[in-house]
Amino acid sequence: MKQILDKKDLQILSELLENSKQTTHQISKKTAIPVTTVHNRIKRMVKEGIIKKFTVEIDYNKIGKPIECVILTTIRYDQPKTDQKKIAKKLLDIGMDEVSIVTGNIDIIAKKRFKNIEEMERFILGKLRNIKGIDKTQTLVVLHKEYTTRL
């Protein structure tokens, strides 16, 4: 049975969000929680599925993908058996980095990175707009991004 997260769990998670490469010793020093407790709590949160994975933050400029786009997509519901989940899967299949089905006037929000505007244009005109069931897309280029590690 899953436990409710307490203050110590939240402190540990906040530290991992800040930098998942930290050792249990480093987290212990910052939070004043004993190393063994930090280790056991991280292990428990992984086992319970609270922590799904440890990951990295990439400098996309350095790997040649500096342009990030958010693509707002609306679905055509006048076609029989239009399925948002199937269209979301197709978006992943053609190379989207992230796809979310949302509520409101937009049906799907997708994200993708590109090396330049020409690559973005080829993707949108050659792949994205050819998916059956998509009515409209609106592409937003991210100018600046901030992150938070708060829970």
C-alpha atoms as a PDB file:
ATOM      1  CA  MET A   1       0.000   0.000   0.000  1.00  0.00           C
ATOM      2  CA  LYS A   2       1.330   3.424  -0.987  1.00  0.00           C
ATOM      3  CA  GLN A   3       2.216   5.818   1.763  1.00  0.00           C
ATOM      4  CA  ILE A   4       1.387   9.500   1.806  1.00  0.00           C
ATOM      5  CA  LEU A   5       4.449  11.640   1.195  1.00  0.00           C
ATOM      6  CA  ASP A   6       5.687  13.512   4.237  1.00  0.00           C
ATOM      7  CA  LYS A   7       7.921  16.587   4.566  1.00  0.00           C
ATOM      8  CA  LYS A   8      11.130  14.528   4.308  1.00  0.00           C
ATOM      9  CA  ASP A   9       9.953  12.794   1.121  1.00  0.00           C
ATOM     10  CA  LEU A  10       9.111  16.169  -0.421  1.00  0.00           C
ATOM     11  CA  GLN A  11      12.517  17.574   0.553  1.00  0.00           C
ATOM     12  CA  ILE A  12      14.251  14.612  -1.076  1.00  0.00           C
ATOM     13  CA  LEU A  13      12.107  14.895  -4.219  1.00  0.00           C
ATOM     14  CA  SER A  14      12.838  18.626  -4.451  1.00  0.00           C
ATOM     15  CA  GLU A  15      16.555  17.937  -4.295  1.00  0.00           C
ATOM     16  CA  LEU A  16      16.276  15.241  -6.973  1.00  0.00           C
ATOM     17  CA  LEU A  17      14.288  17.607  -9.192  1.00  0.00           C
ATOM     18  CA  GLU A  18      17.030  20.193  -8.785  1.00  0.00           C
ATOM     19  CA  ASN A  19      19.750  17.679  -9.701  1.00  0.00           C
ATOM     20  CA  SER A  20      19.058  13.945  -9.935  1.00  0.00           C
ATOM     21  CA  LYS A  21      22.785  13.262 -10.167  1.00  0.00           C
ATOM     22  CA  GLN A  22      23.280  14.155  -6.492  1.00  0.00           C
ATOM     23  CA  THR A  23      24.445  11.393  -4.188  1.00  0.00           C
ATOM     24  CA  THR A  24      22.451  10.384  -1.141  1.00  0.00           C
ATOM     25  CA  HIS A  25      25.256  11.931   0.934  1.00  0.00           C
ATOM     26  CA  GLN A  26      24.844  15.305  -0.823  1.00  0.00           C
ATOM     27  CA  ILE A  27      21.064  15.204  -0.373  1.00  0.00           C
ATOM     28  CA  SER A  28      21.546  14.273   3.279  1.00  0.00           C
ATOM     29  CA  LYS A  29      23.807  17.281   3.891  1.00  0.00           C
ATOM     30  CA  LYS A  30      21.375  19.702   2.219  1.00  0.00           C
ATOM     31  CA  THR A  31      18.259  18.379   3.953  1.00  0.00           C
ATOM     32  CA  ALA A  32      19.692  17.300   7.334  1.00  0.00           C
ATOM     33  CA  ILE A  33      18.107  13.875   6.801  1.00  0.00           C
ATOM     34  CA  PRO A  34      20.368  10.873   7.604  1.00  0.00           C
ATOM     35  CA  VAL A  35      22.009   9.236   4.562  1.00  0.00           C
ATOM     36  CA  THR A  36      20.396   5.865   5.259  1.00  0.00           C
ATOM     37  CA  THR A  37      16.971   7.491   5.507  1.00  0.00           C
ATOM     38  CA  VAL A  38      17.529   9.329   2.192  1.00  0.00           C
ATOM     39  CA  HIS A  39      18.603   6.079   0.524  1.00  0.00           C
ATOM     40  CA  ASN A  40      15.666   4.072   1.891  1.00  0.00           C
ATOM     41  CA  ARG A  41      13.119   6.740   0.998  1.00  0.00           C
ATOM     42  CA  ILE A  42      14.403   7.073  -2.571  1.00  0.00           C
ATOM     43  CA  LYS A  43      14.338   3.279  -2.922  1.00  0.00           C
ATOM     44  CA  ARG A  44      10.741   3.186  -1.597  1.00  0.00           C
ATOM     45  CA  MET A  45       9.584   5.998  -3.878  1.00  0.00           C
ATOM     46  CA  VAL A  46      11.073   4.198  -6.887  1.00  0.00           C
ATOM     47  CA  LYS A  47       9.414   0.935  -5.878  1.00  0.00           C
ATOM     48  CA  GLU A  48       6.043   2.676  -5.420  1.00  0.00           C
ATOM     49  CA  GLY A  49       6.330   4.398  -8.805  1.00  0.00           C
ATOM     50  CA  ILE A  50       6.475   7.905  -7.351  1.00  0.00           C
ATOM     51  CA  ILE A  51       9.889   8.325  -8.959  1.00  0.00           C
ATOM     52  CA  LYS A  52       9.500   6.935 -12.461  1.00  0.00           C
ATOM     53  CA  LYS A  53      13.010   7.588 -13.782  1.00  0.00           C
ATOM     54  CA  PHE A  54      16.139   9.625 -13.343  1.00  0.00           C
ATOM     55  CA  THR A  55      16.951  11.798 -16.322  1.00  0.00           C
ATOM     56  CA  VAL A  56      19.223  14.512 -17.719  1.00  0.00           C
ATOM     57  CA  GLU A  57      18.731  18.070 -18.883  1.00  0.00           C
ATOM     58  CA  ILE A  58      20.300  18.640 -22.291  1.00  0.00           C
ATOM     59  CA  ASP A  59      21.673  21.870 -23.753  1.00  0.00           C
ATOM     60  CA  TYR A  60      19.890  21.571 -27.101  1.00  0.00           C
ATOM     61  CA  ASN A  61      21.918  24.389 -28.647  1.00  0.00           C
ATOM     62  CA  LYS A  62      25.054  22.289 -28.224  1.00  0.00           C
ATOM     63  CA  ILE A  63      23.549  19.275 -29.992  1.00  0.00           C
ATOM     64  CA  GLY A  64      22.155  21.229 -32.930  1.00  0.00           C
ATOM     65  CA  LYS A  65      18.443  21.382 -31.995  1.00  0.00           C
ATOM     66  CA  PRO A  66      18.016  24.993 -30.815  1.00  0.00           C
ATOM     67  CA  ILE A  67      14.470  25.602 -32.047  1.00  0.00           C
ATOM     68  CA  GLU A  68      11.680  24.339 -29.791  1.00  0.00           C
ATOM     69  CA  CYS A  69       8.124  24.445 -31.061  1.00  0.00           C
ATOM     70  CA  VAL A  70       4.824  23.950 -29.336  1.00  0.00           C
ATOM     71  CA  ILE A  71       2.205  22.812 -31.823  1.00  0.00           C
ATOM     72  CA  LEU A  72      -1.455  23.297 -30.978  1.00  0.00           C
ATOM     73  CA  THR A  73      -3.645  20.837 -32.847  1.00  0.00           C
ATOM     74  CA  THR A  74      -7.384  20.559 -33.334  1.00  0.00           C
ATOM     75  CA  ILE A  75      -9.059  17.367 -34.492  1.00  0.00           C
ATOM     76  CA  ARG A  76     -11.757  16.927 -37.132  1.00  0.00           C
ATOM     77  CA  TYR A  77     -14.675  15.260 -35.412  1.00  0.00           C
ATOM     78  CA  ASP A  78     -16.868  15.142 -38.513  1.00  0.00           C
ATOM     79  CA  GLN A  79     -15.030  12.017 -39.655  1.00  0.00           C
ATOM     80  CA  PRO A  80     -16.231   8.664 -38.334  1.00  0.00           C
ATOM     81  CA  LYS A  81     -14.241   7.092 -35.512  1.00  0.00           C
ATOM     82  CA  THR A  82     -11.942  10.064 -34.908  1.00  0.00           C
ATOM     83  CA  ASP A  83      -9.802   9.049 -31.947  1.00  0.00           C
ATOM     84  CA  GLN A  84      -7.582  11.571 -30.142  1.00  0.00           C
ATOM     85  CA  LYS A  85      -5.391   8.843 -28.670  1.00  0.00           C
ATOM     86  CA  LYS A  86      -4.722   7.312 -32.107  1.00  0.00           C
ATOM     87  CA  ILE A  87      -3.831  10.706 -33.527  1.00  0.00           C
ATOM     88  CA  ALA A  88      -1.575  11.398 -30.518  1.00  0.00           C
ATOM     89  CA  LYS A  89       0.184   8.068 -31.202  1.00  0.00           C
ATOM     90  CA  LYS A  90       0.605   9.021 -34.885  1.00  0.00           C
ATOM     91  CA  LEU A  91       2.195  12.292 -33.787  1.00  0.00           C
ATOM     92  CA  LEU A  92       4.739  10.369 -31.727  1.00  0.00           C
ATOM     93  CA  ASP A  93       5.291   7.978 -34.635  1.00  0.00           C
ATOM     94  CA  ILE A  94       6.239  10.835 -36.991  1.00  0.00           C
ATOM     95  CA  GLY A  95       8.772  12.194 -34.496  1.00  0.00           C
ATOM     96  CA  MET A  96       7.122  14.491 -31.974  1.00  0.00           C
ATOM     97  CA  ASP A  97       9.086  14.723 -28.725  1.00  0.00           C
ATOM     98  CA  GLU A  98       6.048  15.080 -26.459  1.00  0.00           C
ATOM     99  CA  VAL A  99       2.293  14.833 -27.006  1.00  0.00           C
ATOM    100  CA  SER A 100      -0.496  15.749 -24.567  1.00  0.00           C
ATOM    101  CA  ILE A 101      -4.244  15.422 -25.016  1.00  0.00           C
ATOM    102  CA  VAL A 102      -5.839  18.467 -23.369  1.00  0.00           C
ATOM    103  CA  THR A 103      -9.201  20.067 -22.675  1.00  0.00           C
ATOM    104  CA  GLY A 104     -10.458  23.330 -24.137  1.00  0.00           C
ATOM    105  CA  ASN A 105     -10.459  24.678 -27.685  1.00  0.00           C
ATOM    106  CA  ILE A 106      -7.280  22.767 -28.521  1.00  0.00           C
ATOM    107  CA  ASP A 107      -7.315  18.959 -28.576  1.00  0.00           C
ATOM    108  CA  ILE A 108      -3.598  18.143 -28.549  1.00  0.00           C
ATOM    109  CA  ILE A 109      -0.460  20.033 -27.581  1.00  0.00           C
ATOM    110  CA  ALA A 110       2.738  18.616 -29.044  1.00  0.00           C
ATOM    111  CA  LYS A 111       6.386  19.640 -28.732  1.00  0.00           C
ATOM    112  CA  LYS A 112       9.296  19.113 -31.079  1.00  0.00           C
ATOM    113  CA  ARG A 113      12.823  20.480 -31.519  1.00  0.00           C
ATOM    114  CA  PHE A 114      14.421  21.387 -34.832  1.00  0.00           C
ATOM    115  CA  LYS A 115      17.870  22.360 -36.064  1.00  0.00           C
ATOM    116  CA  ASN A 116      16.512  25.201 -38.229  1.00  0.00           C
ATOM    117  CA  ILE A 117      13.363  26.750 -39.731  1.00  0.00           C
ATOM    118  CA  GLU A 118      13.705  24.724 -42.932  1.00  0.00           C
ATOM    119  CA  GLU A 119      13.602  21.454 -41.009  1.00  0.00           C
ATOM    120  CA  MET A 120      10.559  22.708 -39.100  1.00  0.00           C
ATOM    121  CA  GLU A 121       8.810  23.659 -42.344  1.00  0.00           C
ATOM    122  CA  ARG A 122       9.497  20.240 -43.933  1.00  0.00           C
ATOM    123  CA  PHE A 123       8.159  18.487 -40.851  1.00  0.00           C
ATOM    124  CA  ILE A 124       4.979  20.562 -40.553  1.00  0.00           C
ATOM    125  CA  LEU A 125       4.096  20.634 -44.258  1.00  0.00           C
ATOM    126  CA  GLY A 126       5.369  17.182 -45.174  1.00  0.00           C
ATOM    127  CA  LYS A 127       4.377  15.089 -42.163  1.00  0.00           C
ATOM    128  CA  LEU A 128       2.201  16.799 -39.581  1.00  0.00           C
ATOM    129  CA  ARG A 129      -0.447  18.237 -41.873  1.00  0.00           C
ATOM    130  CA  ASN A 130      -0.804  14.932 -43.723  1.00  0.00           C
ATOM    131  CA  ILE A 131      -2.194  13.045 -40.727  1.00  0.00           C
ATOM    132  CA  LYS A 132      -5.843  12.125 -41.250  1.00  0.00           C
ATOM    133  CA  GLY A 133      -8.142  13.606 -38.640  1.00  0.00           C
ATOM    134  CA  ILE A 134      -6.156  16.774 -37.991  1.00  0.00           C
ATOM    135  CA  ASP A 135      -8.195  19.891 -38.706  1.00  0.00           C
ATOM    136  CA  LYS A 136      -5.815  22.746 -37.852  1.00  0.00           C
ATOM    137  CA  THR A 137      -2.404  23.307 -36.364  1.00  0.00           C
ATOM    138  CA  GLN A 138      -0.821  26.386 -34.863  1.00  0.00           C
ATOM    139  CA  THR A 139       2.932  26.371 -34.363  1.00  0.00           C
ATOM    140  CA  LEU A 140       4.465  28.464 -31.595  1.00  0.00           C
ATOM    141  CA  VAL A 141       8.231  28.955 -31.415  1.00  0.00           C
ATOM    142  CA  VAL A 142       9.560  29.087 -27.848  1.00  0.00           C
ATOM    143  CA  LEU A 143      11.653  32.230 -27.379  1.00  0.00           C
ATOM    144  CA  HIS A 144      12.686  31.673 -23.756  1.00  0.00           C
ATOM    145  CA  LYS A 145      12.032  28.992 -21.172  1.00  0.00           C
ATOM    146  CA  GLU A 146      12.231  28.932 -17.376  1.00  0.00           C
ATOM    147  CA  TYR A 147      12.054  25.868 -15.155  1.00  0.00           C
ATOM    148  CA  THR A 148      10.921  25.287 -11.648  1.00  0.00           C
ATOM    149  CA  THR A 149      11.801  22.476  -9.296  1.00  0.00           C
ATOM    150  CA  ARG A 150       9.074  23.215  -6.780  1.00  0.00           C
ATOM    151  CA  LEU A 151       6.606  20.525  -5.819  1.00  0.00           C
END
